Amino acid sequence: MYAIVAGGGKVGFYLARELIDQGHEVLIIENSGERAEFIANELGNVVLRGNADEASTLAEAGAERADVVIAVTGEDPRNLVLLQLAKRRFGARRTVARINDPRNEGLFRMLGIDATVNATQVMLSVLEQEIPQTSLVPLLKLRNTDVEVVEAVVDPRSPVTSSSLRDVDLPPESTIAVVIRDGAAFFPNGGTVLQPGDEVVALTRGIHEPTLRRLFFSEP
């Protein structure tokens, strides 16, 4: 795989190093001469000095043969511009963006960026997994949709406790896909009775998350 990493800061540097260690071909684009020199000293001849949001720089980097272009600069507008340029002008097969402001994620997806990494959401998910009894944990969002895979632990006080799934009033466009009980996962059916402490993996649309949260964690 040939990967172009736009931005040689800490995120770009360590990402590139891991990809190189895995045997991939990597080129970092970095506009700071001092930083580019540091990267070259640490990783070898894998850095190109220039502005990644300029067509001439992407052409020199060989963006037309890149399997993936990854934008990890600290500026969302720059990340968006360079990835659109890579995709539309050079036909990059896949584009991935680091999102610094969570409010921009929808814009990136709307404009065709293949995948986004929202550092704020990642950190929030980790924190929520540390307090699962009070949180609906987002596991992932299906690409180019508003469908989310979420996880919850059934609270003893929840209205769904000791109820059969057929009797649980789930919000529209939501389904419980997997139940994990005592470390064993199984696919539930209408007769499955939810028990306190069950881990439930559900699919839903983002707008229905608040309803699911109330269902699993509110007192009856």
N, C-alpha and C. Protein backbone atom coordinates (compact mmCIF):
# COMPACT_ATOMS: atom_id res chain seq x y z
N MET A 1 0.84 -1.20 0.00
CA MET A 1 0.00 0.00 0.00
C MET A 1 0.87 1.25 0.00
N TYR A 2 0.50 2.21 -0.82
CA TYR A 2 1.19 3.50 -0.82
C TYR A 2 0.29 4.52 -0.13
N ALA A 3 0.78 5.09 0.97
CA ALA A 3 0.01 6.05 1.76
C ALA A 3 0.72 7.39 1.80
N ILE A 4 -0.02 8.45 1.51
CA ILE A 4 0.49 9.81 1.66
C ILE A 4 -0.11 10.38 2.94
N VAL A 5 0.74 10.84 3.83
CA VAL A 5 0.30 11.44 5.09
C VAL A 5 0.57 12.93 5.03
N ALA A 6 -0.48 13.73 5.01
CA ALA A 6 -0.34 15.18 4.94
C ALA A 6 -0.31 15.75 6.35
N GLY A 7 0.84 16.21 6.77
CA GLY A 7 1.01 16.74 8.12
C GLY A 7 1.99 15.90 8.89
N GLY A 8 3.13 16.49 9.22
CA GLY A 8 4.19 15.74 9.90
C GLY A 8 4.31 16.05 11.37
N GLY A 9 3.21 16.49 11.99
CA GLY A 9 3.22 16.69 13.44
C GLY A 9 3.28 15.35 14.15
N LYS A 10 2.96 15.37 15.43
CA LYS A 10 3.06 14.14 16.21
C LYS A 10 2.16 13.03 15.66
N VAL A 11 0.92 13.38 15.32
CA VAL A 11 0.00 12.37 14.81
C VAL A 11 0.52 11.79 13.50
N GLY A 12 0.88 12.66 12.57
CA GLY A 12 1.38 12.20 11.28
C GLY A 12 2.67 11.41 11.39
N PHE A 13 3.55 11.87 12.25
CA PHE A 13 4.85 11.20 12.42
C PHE A 13 4.67 9.77 12.93
N TYR A 14 3.90 9.62 14.01
CA TYR A 14 3.75 8.29 14.61
C TYR A 14 2.91 7.37 13.73
N LEU A 15 1.93 7.94 13.05
CA LEU A 15 1.15 7.14 12.11
C LEU A 15 2.03 6.61 10.98
N ALA A 16 2.85 7.50 10.42
CA ALA A 16 3.75 7.10 9.34
C ALA A 16 4.74 6.04 9.82
N ARG A 17 5.26 6.22 11.02
CA ARG A 17 6.22 5.26 11.54
C ARG A 17 5.60 3.87 11.68
N GLU A 18 4.36 3.83 12.16
CA GLU A 18 3.69 2.54 12.30
C GLU A 18 3.44 1.90 10.94
N LEU A 19 3.02 2.68 9.97
CA LEU A 19 2.78 2.15 8.63
C LEU A 19 4.06 1.61 8.01
N ILE A 20 5.15 2.34 8.21
CA ILE A 20 6.45 1.89 7.70
C ILE A 20 6.85 0.58 8.35
N ASP A 21 6.65 0.50 9.67
CA ASP A 21 6.99 -0.73 10.39
C ASP A 21 6.18 -1.92 9.89
N GLN A 22 4.98 -1.64 9.36
CA GLN A 22 4.14 -2.70 8.82
C GLN A 22 4.49 -3.05 7.38
N GLY A 23 5.48 -2.36 6.84
CA GLY A 23 5.96 -2.68 5.50
C GLY A 23 5.33 -1.89 4.37
N HIS A 24 4.60 -0.83 4.70
CA HIS A 24 3.94 -0.04 3.67
C HIS A 24 4.86 1.07 3.17
N GLU A 25 4.59 1.51 1.95
CA GLU A 25 5.30 2.66 1.39
C GLU A 25 4.59 3.92 1.85
N VAL A 26 5.35 4.85 2.43
CA VAL A 26 4.75 6.04 3.04
C VAL A 26 5.52 7.28 2.62
N LEU A 27 4.79 8.35 2.37
CA LEU A 27 5.40 9.66 2.16
C LEU A 27 4.67 10.68 3.01
N ILE A 28 5.42 11.43 3.80
CA ILE A 28 4.86 12.50 4.62
C ILE A 28 5.07 13.83 3.90
N ILE A 29 4.02 14.62 3.82
CA ILE A 29 4.14 15.98 3.29
C ILE A 29 4.12 16.94 4.47
N GLU A 30 5.17 17.73 4.61
CA GLU A 30 5.31 18.65 5.74
C GLU A 30 5.84 19.98 5.23
N ASN A 31 5.19 21.09 5.64
CA ASN A 31 5.59 22.39 5.11
C ASN A 31 6.66 23.09 5.94
N SER A 32 6.97 22.58 7.11
CA SER A 32 8.02 23.17 7.94
C SER A 32 9.36 22.52 7.63
N GLY A 33 10.34 23.35 7.25
CA GLY A 33 11.65 22.80 6.94
C GLY A 33 12.29 22.12 8.13
N GLU A 34 12.17 22.72 9.30
CA GLU A 34 12.77 22.15 10.51
C GLU A 34 12.13 20.81 10.84
N ARG A 35 10.81 20.75 10.75
CA ARG A 35 10.11 19.51 11.05
C ARG A 35 10.42 18.44 10.01
N ALA A 36 10.49 18.84 8.74
CA ALA A 36 10.81 17.90 7.68
C ALA A 36 12.20 17.29 7.88
N GLU A 37 13.13 18.12 8.32
CA GLU A 37 14.48 17.62 8.57
C GLU A 37 14.48 16.62 9.72
N PHE A 38 13.70 16.90 10.76
CA PHE A 38 13.60 15.97 11.89
C PHE A 38 13.04 14.62 11.43
N ILE A 39 11.98 14.67 10.63
CA ILE A 39 11.37 13.42 10.14
C ILE A 39 12.35 12.63 9.31
N ALA A 40 13.09 13.33 8.44
CA ALA A 40 14.08 12.64 7.60
C ALA A 40 15.16 11.98 8.44
N ASN A 41 15.58 12.65 9.49
CA ASN A 41 16.61 12.08 10.36
C ASN A 41 16.09 10.86 11.12
N GLU A 42 14.80 10.87 11.44
CA GLU A 42 14.23 9.78 12.22
C GLU A 42 13.75 8.61 11.36
N LEU A 43 13.15 8.93 10.22
CA LEU A 43 12.50 7.88 9.42
C LEU A 43 13.15 7.64 8.07
N GLY A 44 14.06 8.51 7.66
CA GLY A 44 14.70 8.34 6.36
C GLY A 44 14.05 9.19 5.29
N ASN A 45 14.28 8.82 4.07
CA ASN A 45 13.83 9.62 2.93
C ASN A 45 12.36 9.36 2.63
N VAL A 46 11.51 9.77 3.57
CA VAL A 46 10.07 9.54 3.41
C VAL A 46 9.29 10.84 3.58
N VAL A 47 9.95 11.97 3.41
CA VAL A 47 9.27 13.24 3.64
C VAL A 47 9.49 14.16 2.46
N LEU A 48 8.43 14.88 2.10
CA LEU A 48 8.46 15.88 1.05
C LEU A 48 8.06 17.21 1.66
N ARG A 49 8.92 18.21 1.51
CA ARG A 49 8.58 19.52 2.05
C ARG A 49 7.70 20.26 1.06
N GLY A 50 6.57 20.74 1.56
CA GLY A 50 5.65 21.48 0.70
C GLY A 50 4.30 21.61 1.35
N ASN A 51 3.40 22.32 0.68
CA ASN A 51 2.03 22.50 1.15
C ASN A 51 1.15 21.44 0.51
N ALA A 52 0.56 20.59 1.31
CA ALA A 52 -0.20 19.47 0.78
C ALA A 52 -1.50 19.89 0.11
N ASP A 53 -1.94 21.12 0.35
CA ASP A 53 -3.17 21.58 -0.29
C ASP A 53 -2.90 22.26 -1.62
N GLU A 54 -1.69 22.08 -2.16
CA GLU A 54 -1.35 22.60 -3.48
C GLU A 54 -1.20 21.44 -4.46
N ALA A 55 -1.78 21.61 -5.66
CA ALA A 55 -1.77 20.54 -6.65
C ALA A 55 -0.36 20.12 -7.03
N SER A 56 0.55 21.08 -7.12
CA SER A 56 1.92 20.77 -7.53
C SER A 56 2.60 19.85 -6.51
N THR A 57 2.31 20.07 -5.24
CA THR A 57 2.91 19.22 -4.19
C THR A 57 2.34 17.81 -4.25
N LEU A 58 1.03 17.70 -4.42
CA LEU A 58 0.42 16.38 -4.51
C LEU A 58 0.89 15.64 -5.76
N ALA A 59 1.10 16.38 -6.84
CA ALA A 59 1.61 15.75 -8.06
C ALA A 59 3.02 15.22 -7.83
N GLU A 60 3.86 16.00 -7.17
CA GLU A 60 5.22 15.56 -6.88
C GLU A 60 5.21 14.35 -5.94
N ALA A 61 4.22 14.29 -5.07
CA ALA A 61 4.12 13.18 -4.12
C ALA A 61 3.60 11.90 -4.78
N GLY A 62 3.10 12.03 -6.01
CA GLY A 62 2.55 10.85 -6.69
C GLY A 62 1.17 10.49 -6.21
N ALA A 63 0.33 11.50 -5.99
CA ALA A 63 -1.00 11.26 -5.46
C ALA A 63 -1.85 10.40 -6.38
N GLU A 64 -1.53 10.41 -7.68
CA GLU A 64 -2.33 9.63 -8.63
C GLU A 64 -2.18 8.12 -8.42
N ARG A 65 -1.15 7.69 -7.74
CA ARG A 65 -0.98 6.25 -7.50
C ARG A 65 -1.18 5.89 -6.02
N ALA A 66 -1.59 6.87 -5.22
CA ALA A 66 -1.77 6.62 -3.78
C ALA A 66 -2.99 5.74 -3.52
N ASP A 67 -2.80 4.76 -2.67
CA ASP A 67 -3.94 3.95 -2.23
C ASP A 67 -4.77 4.70 -1.21
N VAL A 68 -4.12 5.55 -0.44
CA VAL A 68 -4.84 6.34 0.55
C VAL A 68 -4.08 7.64 0.80
N VAL A 69 -4.83 8.73 0.94
CA VAL A 69 -4.26 10.01 1.34
C VAL A 69 -4.89 10.36 2.68
N ILE A 70 -4.04 10.61 3.67
CA ILE A 70 -4.50 10.84 5.04
C ILE A 70 -4.12 12.25 5.45
N ALA A 71 -5.10 13.05 5.83
CA ALA A 71 -4.86 14.44 6.22
C ALA A 71 -4.94 14.56 7.73
N VAL A 72 -3.81 14.92 8.35
CA VAL A 72 -3.78 15.01 9.81
C VAL A 72 -3.19 16.34 10.26
N THR A 73 -3.35 17.39 9.46
CA THR A 73 -2.89 18.70 9.89
C THR A 73 -3.82 19.19 10.99
N GLY A 74 -3.45 20.27 11.64
CA GLY A 74 -4.27 20.81 12.72
C GLY A 74 -5.35 21.74 12.24
N GLU A 75 -5.55 21.84 10.93
CA GLU A 75 -6.53 22.77 10.37
C GLU A 75 -7.55 22.01 9.54
N ASP A 76 -8.79 22.00 9.97
CA ASP A 76 -9.83 21.29 9.23
C ASP A 76 -10.02 21.80 7.80
N PRO A 77 -10.05 23.12 7.56
CA PRO A 77 -10.22 23.58 6.18
C PRO A 77 -9.10 23.08 5.26
N ARG A 78 -7.87 23.07 5.74
CA ARG A 78 -6.76 22.58 4.93
C ARG A 78 -6.92 21.08 4.66
N ASN A 79 -7.29 20.34 5.68
CA ASN A 79 -7.50 18.90 5.49
C ASN A 79 -8.57 18.63 4.43
N LEU A 80 -9.65 19.40 4.49
CA LEU A 80 -10.75 19.20 3.54
C LEU A 80 -10.32 19.54 2.12
N VAL A 81 -9.64 20.67 1.95
CA VAL A 81 -9.21 21.10 0.62
C VAL A 81 -8.25 20.10 -0.01
N LEU A 82 -7.25 19.67 0.75
CA LEU A 82 -6.24 18.79 0.17
C LEU A 82 -6.82 17.42 -0.16
N LEU A 83 -7.76 16.94 0.64
CA LEU A 83 -8.35 15.63 0.35
C LEU A 83 -9.28 15.69 -0.85
N GLN A 84 -10.02 16.78 -0.99
CA GLN A 84 -10.86 16.93 -2.19
C GLN A 84 -9.99 17.02 -3.44
N LEU A 85 -8.88 17.72 -3.32
CA LEU A 85 -7.94 17.84 -4.43
C LEU A 85 -7.36 16.47 -4.79
N ALA A 86 -6.98 15.72 -3.77
CA ALA A 86 -6.41 14.39 -4.00
C ALA A 86 -7.41 13.47 -4.67
N LYS A 87 -8.66 13.55 -4.26
CA LYS A 87 -9.69 12.65 -4.79
C LYS A 87 -10.14 13.07 -6.19
N ARG A 88 -10.43 14.34 -6.36
CA ARG A 88 -11.05 14.78 -7.61
C ARG A 88 -10.05 15.01 -8.74
N ARG A 89 -8.88 15.51 -8.40
CA ARG A 89 -7.91 15.79 -9.46
C ARG A 89 -6.97 14.61 -9.72
N PHE A 90 -6.61 13.91 -8.64
CA PHE A 90 -5.63 12.84 -8.79
C PHE A 90 -6.22 11.44 -8.66
N GLY A 91 -7.49 11.36 -8.34
CA GLY A 91 -8.16 10.07 -8.28
C GLY A 91 -7.68 9.17 -7.15
N ALA A 92 -7.30 9.76 -6.01
CA ALA A 92 -6.87 8.96 -4.86
C ALA A 92 -7.96 7.95 -4.52
N ARG A 93 -7.55 6.70 -4.27
CA ARG A 93 -8.53 5.64 -4.05
C ARG A 93 -9.32 5.83 -2.77
N ARG A 94 -8.66 6.34 -1.73
CA ARG A 94 -9.34 6.50 -0.45
C ARG A 94 -8.77 7.72 0.26
N THR A 95 -9.64 8.45 0.94
CA THR A 95 -9.22 9.64 1.68
C THR A 95 -9.69 9.54 3.12
N VAL A 96 -8.80 9.91 4.03
CA VAL A 96 -9.09 9.84 5.46
C VAL A 96 -8.69 11.16 6.10
N ALA A 97 -9.55 11.70 6.93
CA ALA A 97 -9.28 13.01 7.54
C ALA A 97 -9.33 12.95 9.04
N ARG A 98 -8.40 13.65 9.66
CA ARG A 98 -8.48 13.94 11.09
C ARG A 98 -9.38 15.17 11.24
N ILE A 99 -10.39 15.05 12.12
CA ILE A 99 -11.30 16.15 12.38
C ILE A 99 -10.92 16.79 13.71
N ASN A 100 -10.62 18.07 13.68
CA ASN A 100 -10.25 18.77 14.90
C ASN A 100 -11.46 19.37 15.60
N ASP A 101 -12.45 19.84 14.83
CA ASP A 101 -13.68 20.39 15.39
C ASP A 101 -14.82 19.42 15.05
N PRO A 102 -15.41 18.76 16.05
CA PRO A 102 -16.47 17.77 15.77
C PRO A 102 -17.61 18.31 14.93
N ARG A 103 -17.83 19.61 14.97
CA ARG A 103 -18.94 20.19 14.20
C ARG A 103 -18.70 20.11 12.70
N ASN A 104 -17.46 19.85 12.29
CA ASN A 104 -17.15 19.80 10.86
C ASN A 104 -17.30 18.41 10.25
N GLU A 105 -17.57 17.41 11.06
CA GLU A 105 -17.58 16.04 10.55
C GLU A 105 -18.62 15.84 9.46
N GLY A 106 -19.82 16.39 9.65
CA GLY A 106 -20.86 16.24 8.65
C GLY A 106 -20.47 16.84 7.31
N LEU A 107 -19.78 17.97 7.34
CA LEU A 107 -19.35 18.62 6.10
C LEU A 107 -18.36 17.74 5.35
N PHE A 108 -17.42 17.16 6.07
CA PHE A 108 -16.44 16.28 5.42
C PHE A 108 -17.13 15.11 4.73
N ARG A 109 -18.09 14.51 5.40
CA ARG A 109 -18.80 13.37 4.82
C ARG A 109 -19.64 13.80 3.63
N MET A 110 -20.29 14.95 3.75
CA MET A 110 -21.13 15.45 2.67
C MET A 110 -20.32 15.70 1.41
N LEU A 111 -19.06 16.12 1.59
CA LEU A 111 -18.22 16.45 0.45
C LEU A 111 -17.39 15.26 -0.03
N GLY A 112 -17.71 14.07 0.45
CA GLY A 112 -17.16 12.86 -0.15
C GLY A 112 -15.90 12.30 0.45
N ILE A 113 -15.47 12.82 1.60
CA ILE A 113 -14.30 12.23 2.26
C ILE A 113 -14.69 10.85 2.77
N ASP A 114 -13.86 9.84 2.49
CA ASP A 114 -14.26 8.45 2.74
C ASP A 114 -14.38 8.13 4.22
N ALA A 115 -13.47 8.64 5.04
CA ALA A 115 -13.49 8.30 6.46
C ALA A 115 -12.95 9.47 7.26
N THR A 116 -13.49 9.65 8.45
CA THR A 116 -13.02 10.71 9.33
C THR A 116 -12.68 10.13 10.70
N VAL A 117 -11.73 10.76 11.36
CA VAL A 117 -11.37 10.38 12.72
C VAL A 117 -11.55 11.61 13.58
N ASN A 118 -12.54 11.54 14.46
CA ASN A 118 -12.87 12.65 15.33
C ASN A 118 -12.25 12.37 16.69
N ALA A 119 -11.14 13.03 17.00
CA ALA A 119 -10.42 12.76 18.23
C ALA A 119 -11.28 12.98 19.47
N THR A 120 -12.14 13.98 19.42
CA THR A 120 -13.03 14.25 20.55
C THR A 120 -13.98 13.09 20.78
N GLN A 121 -14.56 12.56 19.69
CA GLN A 121 -15.50 11.46 19.82
C GLN A 121 -14.80 10.19 20.27
N VAL A 122 -13.58 9.97 19.79
CA VAL A 122 -12.82 8.79 20.21
C VAL A 122 -12.58 8.84 21.72
N MET A 123 -12.15 9.99 22.21
CA MET A 123 -11.90 10.14 23.64
C MET A 123 -13.19 9.98 24.44
N LEU A 124 -14.28 10.54 23.93
CA LEU A 124 -15.56 10.42 24.62
C LEU A 124 -16.00 8.97 24.70
N SER A 125 -15.80 8.21 23.62
CA SER A 125 -16.18 6.80 23.60
C SER A 125 -15.38 6.02 24.63
N VAL A 126 -14.08 6.33 24.73
CA VAL A 126 -13.25 5.63 25.71
C VAL A 126 -13.74 5.93 27.12
N LEU A 127 -14.04 7.20 27.38
CA LEU A 127 -14.52 7.57 28.71
C LEU A 127 -15.86 6.91 29.02
N GLU A 128 -16.74 6.86 28.01
CA GLU A 128 -18.05 6.26 28.23
C GLU A 128 -17.95 4.77 28.52
N GLN A 129 -16.96 4.11 27.92
CA GLN A 129 -16.79 2.70 28.17
C GLN A 129 -16.31 2.42 29.60
N GLU A 130 -15.76 3.46 30.25
CA GLU A 130 -15.33 3.30 31.64
C GLU A 130 -16.51 3.43 32.61
N ILE A 131 -17.64 3.98 32.11
CA ILE A 131 -18.83 4.11 32.96
C ILE A 131 -20.04 3.56 32.20
N PRO A 132 -19.98 2.30 31.78
CA PRO A 132 -21.02 1.74 30.92
C PRO A 132 -22.40 1.68 31.54
N GLN A 133 -22.49 1.69 32.85
CA GLN A 133 -23.82 1.60 33.47
C GLN A 133 -24.64 2.86 33.27
N THR A 134 -24.03 3.94 32.86
CA THR A 134 -24.78 5.18 32.69
C THR A 134 -24.67 5.75 31.30
N SER A 135 -24.16 4.95 30.35
CA SER A 135 -23.91 5.52 29.04
C SER A 135 -24.31 4.57 27.92
N LEU A 136 -24.70 5.17 26.83
CA LEU A 136 -24.89 4.45 25.58
C LEU A 136 -23.63 4.70 24.77
N VAL A 137 -22.83 3.66 24.55
CA VAL A 137 -21.51 3.84 23.97
C VAL A 137 -21.57 3.69 22.46
N PRO A 138 -21.21 4.71 21.68
CA PRO A 138 -21.15 4.56 20.23
C PRO A 138 -19.92 3.75 19.84
N LEU A 139 -20.14 2.65 19.14
CA LEU A 139 -19.03 1.81 18.71
C LEU A 139 -18.52 2.21 17.34
N LEU A 140 -19.43 2.46 16.40
CA LEU A 140 -19.02 2.91 15.07
C LEU A 140 -20.23 3.45 14.34
N LYS A 141 -19.95 4.21 13.28
CA LYS A 141 -20.99 4.74 12.41
C LYS A 141 -20.78 4.13 11.03
N LEU A 142 -21.84 3.57 10.45
CA LEU A 142 -21.71 2.98 9.12
C LEU A 142 -21.41 4.06 8.11
N ARG A 143 -20.43 3.79 7.26
CA ARG A 143 -19.92 4.80 6.34
C ARG A 143 -21.01 5.36 5.44
N ASN A 144 -21.03 6.68 5.32
CA ASN A 144 -21.94 7.41 4.46
C ASN A 144 -23.41 7.23 4.85
N THR A 145 -23.67 6.92 6.11
CA THR A 145 -25.04 6.82 6.60
C THR A 145 -25.11 7.47 7.97
N ASP A 146 -26.33 7.58 8.50
CA ASP A 146 -26.48 8.05 9.88
C ASP A 146 -26.82 6.89 10.81
N VAL A 147 -26.53 5.66 10.35
CA VAL A 147 -26.78 4.47 11.16
C VAL A 147 -25.58 4.23 12.07
N GLU A 148 -25.85 4.02 13.35
CA GLU A 148 -24.79 3.82 14.32
C GLU A 148 -24.94 2.48 15.01
N VAL A 149 -23.80 1.91 15.38
CA VAL A 149 -23.78 0.71 16.22
C VAL A 149 -23.42 1.17 17.63
N VAL A 150 -24.30 0.88 18.58
CA VAL A 150 -24.11 1.36 19.94
C VAL A 150 -24.16 0.19 20.91
N GLU A 151 -23.59 0.40 22.08
CA GLU A 151 -23.57 -0.64 23.11
C GLU A 151 -24.12 -0.07 24.41
N ALA A 152 -24.86 -0.88 25.13
CA ALA A 152 -25.39 -0.48 26.43
C ALA A 152 -25.36 -1.67 27.37
N VAL A 153 -25.28 -1.38 28.66
CA VAL A 153 -25.40 -2.41 29.68
C VAL A 153 -26.73 -2.18 30.39
N VAL A 154 -27.55 -3.23 30.44
CA VAL A 154 -28.90 -3.09 30.98
C VAL A 154 -28.84 -2.75 32.47
N ASP A 155 -29.42 -1.63 32.82
CA ASP A 155 -29.48 -1.19 34.22
C ASP A 155 -30.58 -1.95 34.95
N PRO A 156 -30.33 -2.36 36.19
CA PRO A 156 -31.37 -3.08 36.94
C PRO A 156 -32.68 -2.31 37.05
N ARG A 157 -32.60 -0.96 37.02
CA ARG A 157 -33.80 -0.14 37.17
C ARG A 157 -34.48 0.16 35.84
N SER A 158 -33.89 -0.32 34.74
CA SER A 158 -34.40 0.00 33.42
C SER A 158 -35.76 -0.65 33.16
N PRO A 159 -36.61 -0.01 32.37
CA PRO A 159 -37.90 -0.61 32.01
C PRO A 159 -37.76 -1.91 31.22
N VAL A 160 -36.62 -2.12 30.57
CA VAL A 160 -36.47 -3.32 29.74
C VAL A 160 -36.03 -4.53 30.57
N THR A 161 -35.60 -4.32 31.81
CA THR A 161 -35.13 -5.43 32.64
C THR A 161 -36.25 -6.45 32.86
N SER A 162 -35.93 -7.72 32.63
CA SER A 162 -36.86 -8.85 32.78
C SER A 162 -37.98 -8.82 31.75
N SER A 163 -37.80 -8.06 30.67
CA SER A 163 -38.80 -8.01 29.61
C SER A 163 -38.33 -8.82 28.40
N SER A 164 -39.26 -9.46 27.71
CA SER A 164 -38.95 -10.12 26.45
C SER A 164 -38.74 -9.05 25.39
N LEU A 165 -37.85 -9.33 24.45
CA LEU A 165 -37.57 -8.33 23.42
C LEU A 165 -38.82 -7.95 22.64
N ARG A 166 -39.74 -8.92 22.44
CA ARG A 166 -40.95 -8.61 21.69
C ARG A 166 -41.82 -7.58 22.41
N ASP A 167 -41.60 -7.44 23.72
CA ASP A 167 -42.39 -6.49 24.51
C ASP A 167 -41.67 -5.16 24.74
N VAL A 168 -40.42 -5.07 24.27
CA VAL A 168 -39.65 -3.83 24.44
C VAL A 168 -40.03 -2.84 23.34
N ASP A 169 -40.43 -1.67 23.74
CA ASP A 169 -40.86 -0.64 22.78
C ASP A 169 -39.64 0.13 22.27
N LEU A 170 -38.92 -0.48 21.34
CA LEU A 170 -37.74 0.17 20.77
C LEU A 170 -38.16 1.35 19.90
N PRO A 171 -37.31 2.36 19.79
CA PRO A 171 -37.63 3.48 18.89
C PRO A 171 -37.63 3.00 17.44
N PRO A 172 -38.22 3.76 16.53
CA PRO A 172 -38.24 3.37 15.11
C PRO A 172 -36.83 3.17 14.58
N GLU A 173 -36.70 2.31 13.59
CA GLU A 173 -35.44 2.08 12.88
C GLU A 173 -34.32 1.68 13.84
N SER A 174 -34.67 0.88 14.82
CA SER A 174 -33.69 0.40 15.80
C SER A 174 -33.89 -1.08 16.01
N THR A 175 -32.79 -1.77 16.23
CA THR A 175 -32.89 -3.21 16.48
C THR A 175 -31.75 -3.65 17.40
N ILE A 176 -32.02 -4.62 18.24
CA ILE A 176 -30.99 -5.20 19.09
C ILE A 176 -30.39 -6.38 18.35
N ALA A 177 -29.12 -6.30 18.02
CA ALA A 177 -28.48 -7.30 17.17
C ALA A 177 -27.80 -8.41 17.96
N VAL A 178 -27.17 -8.06 19.08
CA VAL A 178 -26.39 -9.03 19.85
C VAL A 178 -26.59 -8.75 21.33
N VAL A 179 -26.65 -9.82 22.12
CA VAL A 179 -26.65 -9.71 23.57
C VAL A 179 -25.45 -10.49 24.11
N ILE A 180 -24.72 -9.87 25.01
CA ILE A 180 -23.57 -10.54 25.64
C ILE A 180 -23.90 -10.75 27.11
N ARG A 181 -23.89 -12.03 27.51
CA ARG A 181 -24.25 -12.39 28.89
C ARG A 181 -23.20 -13.34 29.45
N ASP A 182 -22.63 -12.96 30.58
CA ASP A 182 -21.59 -13.78 31.22
C ASP A 182 -20.45 -14.09 30.25
N GLY A 183 -20.11 -13.10 29.42
CA GLY A 183 -18.99 -13.24 28.51
C GLY A 183 -19.30 -13.98 27.23
N ALA A 184 -20.52 -14.47 27.06
CA ALA A 184 -20.90 -15.21 25.85
C ALA A 184 -21.88 -14.37 25.03
N ALA A 185 -21.63 -14.26 23.73
CA ALA A 185 -22.49 -13.48 22.85
C ALA A 185 -23.48 -14.39 22.14
N PHE A 186 -24.70 -13.90 21.97
CA PHE A 186 -25.70 -14.66 21.20
C PHE A 186 -26.64 -13.69 20.49
N PHE A 187 -27.28 -14.21 19.44
CA PHE A 187 -28.23 -13.41 18.68
C PHE A 187 -29.61 -13.61 19.28
N PRO A 188 -30.22 -12.55 19.77
CA PRO A 188 -31.50 -12.69 20.46
C PRO A 188 -32.67 -12.87 19.50
N ASN A 189 -33.77 -13.33 20.05
CA ASN A 189 -35.03 -13.38 19.31
C ASN A 189 -36.11 -12.72 20.16
N GLY A 190 -37.34 -12.76 19.67
CA GLY A 190 -38.41 -12.08 20.38
C GLY A 190 -38.64 -12.59 21.79
N GLY A 191 -38.27 -13.87 22.04
CA GLY A 191 -38.48 -14.43 23.37
C GLY A 191 -37.34 -14.21 24.33
N THR A 192 -36.26 -13.60 23.87
CA THR A 192 -35.12 -13.35 24.75
C THR A 192 -35.51 -12.37 25.86
N VAL A 193 -35.24 -12.75 27.09
CA VAL A 193 -35.54 -11.90 28.25
C VAL A 193 -34.26 -11.20 28.68
N LEU A 194 -34.29 -9.88 28.69
CA LEU A 194 -33.11 -9.10 29.06
C LEU A 194 -32.93 -9.12 30.57
N GLN A 195 -31.70 -9.30 30.99
CA GLN A 195 -31.38 -9.38 32.41
C GLN A 195 -30.45 -8.25 32.81
N PRO A 196 -30.47 -7.84 34.06
CA PRO A 196 -29.54 -6.79 34.52
C PRO A 196 -28.10 -7.20 34.23
N GLY A 197 -27.33 -6.29 33.70
CA GLY A 197 -25.93 -6.56 33.39
C GLY A 197 -25.70 -7.08 32.00
N ASP A 198 -26.78 -7.42 31.27
CA ASP A 198 -26.60 -7.84 29.87
C ASP A 198 -25.99 -6.68 29.08
N GLU A 199 -25.01 -7.01 28.25
CA GLU A 199 -24.47 -6.03 27.30
C GLU A 199 -25.24 -6.18 26.00
N VAL A 200 -25.79 -5.09 25.54
CA VAL A 200 -26.64 -5.11 24.36
C VAL A 200 -25.99 -4.28 23.26
N VAL A 201 -25.85 -4.86 22.07
CA VAL A 201 -25.35 -4.15 20.91
C VAL A 201 -26.53 -3.89 19.98
N ALA A 202 -26.77 -2.63 19.68
CA ALA A 202 -27.94 -2.25 18.88
C ALA A 202 -27.54 -1.41 17.68
N LEU A 203 -28.39 -1.44 16.66
CA LEU A 203 -28.25 -0.56 15.51
C LEU A 203 -29.39 0.44 15.56
N THR A 204 -29.05 1.71 15.31
CA THR A 204 -30.07 2.74 15.36
C THR A 204 -29.60 3.94 14.55
N ARG A 205 -30.50 4.85 14.31
CA ARG A 205 -30.12 6.13 13.72
C ARG A 205 -29.79 7.12 14.83
N GLY A 206 -28.90 8.05 14.53
CA GLY A 206 -28.44 8.98 15.54
C GLY A 206 -29.55 9.72 16.26
N ILE A 207 -30.61 10.04 15.55
CA ILE A 207 -31.69 10.82 16.16
C ILE A 207 -32.43 10.02 17.23
N HIS A 208 -32.28 8.69 17.21
CA HIS A 208 -33.00 7.86 18.18
C HIS A 208 -32.16 7.50 19.40
N GLU A 209 -30.89 7.95 19.43
CA GLU A 209 -30.03 7.61 20.56
C GLU A 209 -30.61 8.06 21.90
N PRO A 210 -31.15 9.29 22.03
CA PRO A 210 -31.69 9.71 23.33
C PRO A 210 -32.81 8.79 23.82
N THR A 211 -33.66 8.32 22.89
CA THR A 211 -34.74 7.42 23.28
C THR A 211 -34.19 6.09 23.79
N LEU A 212 -33.18 5.56 23.10
CA LEU A 212 -32.55 4.32 23.55
C LEU A 212 -31.90 4.49 24.91
N ARG A 213 -31.27 5.63 25.11
CA ARG A 213 -30.61 5.87 26.38
C ARG A 213 -31.63 5.86 27.53
N ARG A 214 -32.74 6.52 27.32
CA ARG A 214 -33.79 6.54 28.36
C ARG A 214 -34.33 5.13 28.60
N LEU A 215 -34.44 4.37 27.53
CA LEU A 215 -35.01 3.03 27.62
C LEU A 215 -34.15 2.12 28.49
N PHE A 216 -32.83 2.23 28.32
CA PHE A 216 -31.93 1.33 29.02
C PHE A 216 -31.53 1.83 30.41
N PHE A 217 -31.62 3.14 30.65
CA PHE A 217 -31.04 3.65 31.89
C PHE A 217 -32.02 4.38 32.79
N SER A 218 -33.24 4.67 32.33
CA SER A 218 -34.19 5.37 33.20
C SER A 218 -34.91 4.38 34.09
N GLU A 219 -35.36 4.88 35.24
CA GLU A 219 -36.16 4.04 36.10
C GLU A 219 -37.54 3.88 35.50
N PRO A 220 -38.18 2.72 35.68
CA PRO A 220 -39.52 2.52 35.15
C PRO A 220 -40.54 3.45 35.80
